[in-house]
PDB file of all heavy atoms in Angstrom:
ATOM      1  N   LEU A   1      -3.055   3.809   6.527  1.00  0.00           N
ATOM      2  CA  LEU A   1      -4.487   4.000   6.627  1.00  0.00           C
ATOM      3  C   LEU A   1      -5.246   2.692   6.792  1.00  0.00           C
ATOM      4  O   LEU A   1      -6.352   2.673   7.307  1.00  0.00           O
ATOM      5  CB  LEU A   1      -5.008   4.722   5.377  1.00  0.00           C
ATOM      6  CG  LEU A   1      -4.466   6.135   5.160  1.00  0.00           C
ATOM      7  CD1 LEU A   1      -4.984   6.674   3.843  1.00  0.00           C
ATOM      8  CD2 LEU A   1      -4.856   7.049   6.299  1.00  0.00           C
ATOM      9  N   ILE A   2      -4.659   1.590   6.325  1.00  0.00           N
ATOM     10  CA  ILE A   2      -5.328   0.297   6.383  1.00  0.00           C
ATOM     11  C   ILE A   2      -4.639  -0.553   7.446  1.00  0.00           C
ATOM     12  O   ILE A   2      -3.471  -0.909   7.310  1.00  0.00           O
ATOM     13  CB  ILE A   2      -5.274  -0.426   5.021  1.00  0.00           C
ATOM     14  CG1 ILE A   2      -5.828   0.471   3.912  1.00  0.00           C
ATOM     15  CG2 ILE A   2      -6.043  -1.734   5.078  1.00  0.00           C
ATOM     16  CD1 ILE A   2      -5.602  -0.078   2.528  1.00  0.00           C
ATOM     17  N   ASN A   3      -5.351  -0.867   8.506  1.00  0.00           N
ATOM     18  CA  ASN A   3      -4.784  -1.668   9.591  1.00  0.00           C
ATOM     19  C   ASN A   3      -4.891  -3.141   9.227  1.00  0.00           C
ATOM     20  O   ASN A   3      -5.811  -3.842   9.626  1.00  0.00           O
ATOM     21  CB  ASN A   3      -5.525  -1.378  10.901  1.00  0.00           C
ATOM     22  CG  ASN A   3      -4.883  -2.092  12.083  1.00  0.00           C
ATOM     23  OD1 ASN A   3      -3.719  -2.495  12.011  1.00  0.00           O
ATOM     24  ND2 ASN A   3      -5.636  -2.238  13.152  1.00  0.00           N
ATOM     25  N   ASP A   4      -3.955  -3.602   8.439  1.00  0.00           N
ATOM     26  CA  ASP A   4      -4.003  -4.959   7.904  1.00  0.00           C
ATOM     27  C   ASP A   4      -2.577  -5.477   7.828  1.00  0.00           C
ATOM     28  O   ASP A   4      -1.712  -4.827   7.249  1.00  0.00           O
ATOM     29  CB  ASP A   4      -4.641  -4.930   6.512  1.00  0.00           C
ATOM     30  CG  ASP A   4      -4.894  -6.313   5.943  1.00  0.00           C
ATOM     31  OD1 ASP A   4      -4.147  -7.238   6.280  1.00  0.00           O
ATOM     32  OD2 ASP A   4      -5.834  -6.459   5.150  1.00  0.00           O
ATOM     33  N   PRO A   5      -2.300  -6.664   8.370  1.00  0.00           N
ATOM     34  CA  PRO A   5      -0.929  -7.178   8.320  1.00  0.00           C
ATOM     35  C   PRO A   5      -0.423  -7.389   6.903  1.00  0.00           C
ATOM     36  O   PRO A   5       0.791  -7.397   6.662  1.00  0.00           O
ATOM     37  CB  PRO A   5      -1.018  -8.515   9.070  1.00  0.00           C
ATOM     38  CG  PRO A   5      -2.471  -8.869   9.086  1.00  0.00           C
ATOM     39  CD  PRO A   5      -3.201  -7.566   9.113  1.00  0.00           C
ATOM     40  N   LYS A   6      -1.332  -7.528   5.929  1.00  0.00           N
ATOM     41  CA  LYS A   6      -0.895  -7.713   4.543  1.00  0.00           C
ATOM     42  C   LYS A   6      -0.180  -6.484   4.011  1.00  0.00           C
ATOM     43  O   LYS A   6       0.537  -6.545   3.020  1.00  0.00           O
ATOM     44  CB  LYS A   6      -2.088  -8.034   3.643  1.00  0.00           C
ATOM     45  CG  LYS A   6      -2.751  -9.373   3.928  1.00  0.00           C
ATOM     46  CD  LYS A   6      -3.817  -9.643   2.880  1.00  0.00           C
ATOM     47  CE  LYS A   6      -4.521 -10.972   3.124  1.00  0.00           C
ATOM     48  NZ  LYS A   6      -5.438 -10.902   4.265  1.00  0.00           N
ATOM     49  N   THR A   7      -0.383  -5.345   4.658  1.00  0.00           N
ATOM     50  CA  THR A   7       0.233  -4.124   4.152  1.00  0.00           C
ATOM     51  C   THR A   7       1.741  -4.119   4.337  1.00  0.00           C
ATOM     52  O   THR A   7       2.411  -3.181   3.920  1.00  0.00           O
ATOM     53  CB  THR A   7      -0.370  -2.883   4.824  1.00  0.00           C
ATOM     54  OG1 THR A   7      -0.153  -2.979   6.245  1.00  0.00           O
ATOM     55  CG2 THR A   7      -1.850  -2.785   4.548  1.00  0.00           C
ATOM     56  N   ALA A   8       2.291  -5.160   4.932  1.00  0.00           N
ATOM     57  CA  ALA A   8       3.753  -5.279   4.972  1.00  0.00           C
ATOM     58  C   ALA A   8       4.320  -5.362   3.569  1.00  0.00           C
ATOM     59  O   ALA A   8       5.493  -5.068   3.339  1.00  0.00           O
ATOM     60  CB  ALA A   8       4.154  -6.517   5.769  1.00  0.00           C
ATOM     61  N   LEU A   9       3.464  -5.747   2.602  1.00  0.00           N
ATOM     62  CA  LEU A   9       3.909  -5.841   1.214  1.00  0.00           C
ATOM     63  C   LEU A   9       3.955  -4.488   0.518  1.00  0.00           C
ATOM     64  O   LEU A   9       4.457  -4.392  -0.595  1.00  0.00           O
ATOM     65  CB  LEU A   9       2.975  -6.769   0.425  1.00  0.00           C
ATOM     66  CG  LEU A   9       3.053  -8.257   0.782  1.00  0.00           C
ATOM     67  CD1 LEU A   9       1.934  -9.006   0.087  1.00  0.00           C
ATOM     68  CD2 LEU A   9       4.391  -8.826   0.370  1.00  0.00           C
ATOM     69  N   ILE A  10       3.418  -3.468   1.138  1.00  0.00           N
ATOM     70  CA  ILE A  10       3.335  -2.175   0.467  1.00  0.00           C
ATOM     71  C   ILE A  10       4.733  -1.659   0.127  1.00  0.00           C
ATOM     72  O   ILE A  10       5.621  -1.622   0.954  1.00  0.00           O
ATOM     73  CB  ILE A  10       2.578  -1.165   1.330  1.00  0.00           C
ATOM     74  CG1 ILE A  10       1.103  -1.580   1.398  1.00  0.00           C
ATOM     75  CG2 ILE A  10       2.693   0.247   0.798  1.00  0.00           C
ATOM     76  CD1 ILE A  10       0.267  -0.776   2.325  1.00  0.00           C
ATOM     77  N   GLY A  11       4.888  -1.293  -1.140  1.00  0.00           N
ATOM     78  CA  GLY A  11       6.149  -0.716  -1.591  1.00  0.00           C
ATOM     79  C   GLY A  11       7.305  -1.675  -1.583  1.00  0.00           C
ATOM     80  O   GLY A  11       8.428  -1.284  -1.326  1.00  0.00           O
ATOM     81  N   ASN A  12       7.066  -2.937  -1.956  1.00  0.00           N
ATOM     82  CA  ASN A  12       8.107  -3.954  -1.826  1.00  0.00           C
ATOM     83  C   ASN A  12       8.408  -4.688  -3.139  1.00  0.00           C
ATOM     84  O   ASN A  12       8.085  -5.870  -3.262  1.00  0.00           O
ATOM     85  CB  ASN A  12       7.706  -4.981  -0.763  1.00  0.00           C
ATOM     86  CG  ASN A  12       8.777  -6.043  -0.561  1.00  0.00           C
ATOM     87  OD1 ASN A  12       9.941  -5.787  -0.712  1.00  0.00           O
ATOM     88  ND2 ASN A  12       8.343  -7.267  -0.252  1.00  0.00           N
ATOM     89  N   PRO A  13       9.033  -4.085  -4.099  1.00  0.00           N
ATOM     90  CA  PRO A  13       8.967  -2.653  -4.413  1.00  0.00           C
ATOM     91  C   PRO A  13       7.725  -2.351  -5.229  1.00  0.00           C
ATOM     92  O   PRO A  13       6.887  -1.555  -4.840  1.00  0.00           O
ATOM     93  CB  PRO A  13      10.241  -2.406  -5.201  1.00  0.00           C
ATOM     94  CG  PRO A  13      10.522  -3.732  -5.855  1.00  0.00           C
ATOM     95  CD  PRO A  13       9.970  -4.799  -4.937  1.00  0.00           C
ATOM     96  N   VAL A  14       7.537  -3.055  -6.407  1.00  0.00           N
ATOM     97  CA  VAL A  14       6.335  -2.829  -7.192  1.00  0.00           C
ATOM     98  C   VAL A  14       5.341  -3.966  -6.983  1.00  0.00           C
ATOM     99  O   VAL A  14       4.239  -3.927  -7.475  1.00  0.00           O
ATOM    100  CB  VAL A  14       6.698  -2.685  -8.687  1.00  0.00           C
ATOM    101  CG1 VAL A  14       7.109  -4.023  -9.282  1.00  0.00           C
ATOM    102  CG2 VAL A  14       5.581  -2.066  -9.492  1.00  0.00           C
ATOM    103  N   THR A  15       5.746  -5.008  -6.244  1.00  0.00           N
ATOM    104  CA  THR A  15       4.876  -6.157  -6.028  1.00  0.00           C
ATOM    105  C   THR A  15       3.835  -5.896  -4.954  1.00  0.00           C
ATOM    106  O   THR A  15       2.912  -6.672  -4.789  1.00  0.00           O
ATOM    107  CB  THR A  15       5.706  -7.387  -5.641  1.00  0.00           C
ATOM    108  OG1 THR A  15       6.501  -7.061  -4.489  1.00  0.00           O
ATOM    109  CG2 THR A  15       6.608  -7.805  -6.782  1.00  0.00           C
ATOM    110  N   GLY A  16       3.992  -4.851  -4.169  1.00  0.00           N
ATOM    111  CA  GLY A  16       3.049  -4.550  -3.100  1.00  0.00           C
ATOM    112  C   GLY A  16       2.074  -3.465  -3.488  1.00  0.00           C
ATOM    113  O   GLY A  16       1.996  -3.031  -4.631  1.00  0.00           O
ATOM    114  N   LYS A  17       1.287  -3.023  -2.521  1.00  0.00           N
ATOM    115  CA  LYS A  17       0.403  -1.897  -2.743  1.00  0.00           C
ATOM    116  C   LYS A  17       1.240  -0.624  -2.868  1.00  0.00           C
ATOM    117  O   LYS A  17       2.394  -0.587  -2.433  1.00  0.00           O
ATOM    118  CB  LYS A  17      -0.579  -1.785  -1.574  1.00  0.00           C
ATOM    119  CG  LYS A  17      -1.484  -3.011  -1.383  1.00  0.00           C
ATOM    120  CD  LYS A  17      -2.389  -2.830  -0.178  1.00  0.00           C
ATOM    121  CE  LYS A  17      -3.095  -4.122   0.205  1.00  0.00           C
ATOM    122  NZ  LYS A  17      -4.088  -4.540  -0.784  1.00  0.00           N
ATOM    123  N   PRO A  18       0.683   0.421  -3.463  1.00  0.00           N
ATOM    124  CA  PRO A  18       1.464   1.643  -3.631  1.00  0.00           C
ATOM    125  C   PRO A  18       1.963   2.216  -2.305  1.00  0.00           C
ATOM    126  O   PRO A  18       1.261   2.168  -1.293  1.00  0.00           O
ATOM    127  CB  PRO A  18       0.483   2.602  -4.309  1.00  0.00           C
ATOM    128  CG  PRO A  18      -0.499   1.716  -4.980  1.00  0.00           C
ATOM    129  CD  PRO A  18      -0.642   0.524  -4.097  1.00  0.00           C
ATOM    130  N   SER A  19       3.148   2.771  -2.342  1.00  0.00           N
ATOM    131  CA  SER A  19       3.695   3.431  -1.150  1.00  0.00           C
ATOM    132  C   SER A  19       3.142   4.832  -0.973  1.00  0.00           C
ATOM    133  O   SER A  19       2.954   5.293   0.154  1.00  0.00           O
ATOM    134  CB  SER A  19       5.219   3.497  -1.253  1.00  0.00           C
ATOM    135  OG  SER A  19       5.778   2.217  -1.189  1.00  0.00           O
ATOM    136  N   PHE A  20       2.903   5.516  -2.084  1.00  0.00           N
ATOM    137  CA  PHE A  20       2.412   6.893  -2.058  1.00  0.00           C
ATOM    138  C   PHE A  20       1.343   7.039  -3.145  1.00  0.00           C
ATOM    139  O   PHE A  20       1.500   6.521  -4.242  1.00  0.00           O
ATOM    140  CB  PHE A  20       3.536   7.900  -2.326  1.00  0.00           C
ATOM    141  CG  PHE A  20       4.738   7.737  -1.442  1.00  0.00           C
ATOM    142  CD1 PHE A  20       5.817   6.970  -1.847  1.00  0.00           C
ATOM    143  CD2 PHE A  20       4.794   8.345  -0.193  1.00  0.00           C
ATOM    144  CE1 PHE A  20       6.928   6.814  -1.035  1.00  0.00           C
ATOM    145  CE2 PHE A  20       5.897   8.193   0.622  1.00  0.00           C
ATOM    146  CZ  PHE A  20       6.967   7.427   0.210  1.00  0.00           C
ATOM    147  N   VAL A  21       0.280   7.784  -2.825  1.00  0.00           N
ATOM    148  CA  VAL A  21      -0.827   7.940  -3.768  1.00  0.00           C
ATOM    149  C   VAL A  21      -1.298   9.392  -3.763  1.00  0.00           C
ATOM    150  O   VAL A  21      -1.450   9.998  -2.690  1.00  0.00           O
ATOM    151  CB  VAL A  21      -2.006   7.013  -3.394  1.00  0.00           C
ATOM    152  CG1 VAL A  21      -3.162   7.215  -4.354  1.00  0.00           C
ATOM    153  CG2 VAL A  21      -1.575   5.549  -3.383  1.00  0.00           C
ATOM    154  N   PHE A  22      -1.578   9.926  -4.952  1.00  0.00           N
ATOM    155  CA  PHE A  22      -2.121  11.285  -5.039  1.00  0.00           C
ATOM    156  C   PHE A  22      -3.644  11.283  -4.832  1.00  0.00           C
ATOM    157  O   PHE A  22      -4.148  11.902  -3.901  1.00  0.00           O
ATOM    158  CB  PHE A  22      -1.748  11.928  -6.373  1.00  0.00           C
ATOM    159  CG  PHE A  22      -2.330  13.291  -6.564  1.00  0.00           C
ATOM    160  CD1 PHE A  22      -2.262  14.244  -5.555  1.00  0.00           C
ATOM    161  CD2 PHE A  22      -2.962  13.633  -7.749  1.00  0.00           C
ATOM    162  CE1 PHE A  22      -2.811  15.518  -5.716  1.00  0.00           C
ATOM    163  CE2 PHE A  22      -3.508  14.894  -7.924  1.00  0.00           C
ATOM    164  CZ  PHE A  22      -3.444  15.828  -6.910  1.00  0.00           C
ATOM    165  N   ILE A  23      -4.387  10.581  -5.675  1.00  0.00           N
ATOM    166  CA  ILE A  23      -5.837  10.445  -5.468  1.00  0.00           C
ATOM    167  C   ILE A  23      -6.101   9.017  -5.036  1.00  0.00           C
ATOM    168  O   ILE A  23      -5.821   8.069  -5.769  1.00  0.00           O
ATOM    169  CB  ILE A  23      -6.620  10.782  -6.740  1.00  0.00           C
ATOM    170  CG1 ILE A  23      -6.358  12.230  -7.172  1.00  0.00           C
ATOM    171  CG2 ILE A  23      -8.115  10.575  -6.516  1.00  0.00           C
ATOM    172  CD1 ILE A  23      -7.019  12.613  -8.477  1.00  0.00           C
ATOM    173  N   TYR A  24      -6.660   8.860  -3.844  1.00  0.00           N
ATOM    174  CA  TYR A  24      -6.789   7.546  -3.216  1.00  0.00           C
ATOM    175  C   TYR A  24      -8.234   7.268  -2.842  1.00  0.00           C
ATOM    176  O   TYR A  24      -8.963   8.168  -2.400  1.00  0.00           O
ATOM    177  CB  TYR A  24      -5.926   7.511  -1.949  1.00  0.00           C
ATOM    178  CG  TYR A  24      -6.059   6.267  -1.107  1.00  0.00           C
ATOM    179  CD1 TYR A  24      -5.531   5.054  -1.538  1.00  0.00           C
ATOM    180  CD2 TYR A  24      -6.704   6.308   0.131  1.00  0.00           C
ATOM    181  CE1 TYR A  24      -5.646   3.913  -0.759  1.00  0.00           C
ATOM    182  CE2 TYR A  24      -6.817   5.167   0.917  1.00  0.00           C
ATOM    183  CZ  TYR A  24      -6.286   3.962   0.466  1.00  0.00           C
ATOM    184  OH  TYR A  24      -6.397   2.841   1.241  1.00  0.00           O
ATOM    185  N   GLY A  25      -8.654   6.018  -3.027  1.00  0.00           N
ATOM    186  CA  GLY A  25      -9.972   5.614  -2.569  1.00  0.00           C
ATOM    187  C   GLY A  25      -9.943   4.193  -2.062  1.00  0.00           C
ATOM    188  O   GLY A  25      -9.304   3.325  -2.664  1.00  0.00           O
ATOM    189  N   PHE A  26     -10.612   3.937  -0.940  1.00  0.00           N
ATOM    190  CA  PHE A  26     -10.717   2.599  -0.380  1.00  0.00           C
ATOM    191  C   PHE A  26     -12.149   2.387   0.079  1.00  0.00           C
ATOM    192  O   PHE A  26     -12.709   3.220   0.800  1.00  0.00           O
ATOM    193  CB  PHE A  26      -9.748   2.413   0.793  1.00  0.00           C
ATOM    194  CG  PHE A  26      -9.786   1.039   1.405  1.00  0.00           C
ATOM    195  CD1 PHE A  26      -9.191  -0.030   0.754  1.00  0.00           C
ATOM    196  CD2 PHE A  26     -10.430   0.816   2.616  1.00  0.00           C
ATOM    197  CE1 PHE A  26      -9.222  -1.303   1.307  1.00  0.00           C
ATOM    198  CE2 PHE A  26     -10.475  -0.453   3.177  1.00  0.00           C
ATOM    199  CZ  PHE A  26      -9.867  -1.523   2.514  1.00  0.00           C
TER     200      PHE A  26
END
């Protein structure tokens, strides 16, 4: 959902942004 190169860190593993979210807000 976020077009940002930093999102390569997502889910890597707990050091990144969440990989899956139930209630999400940005």
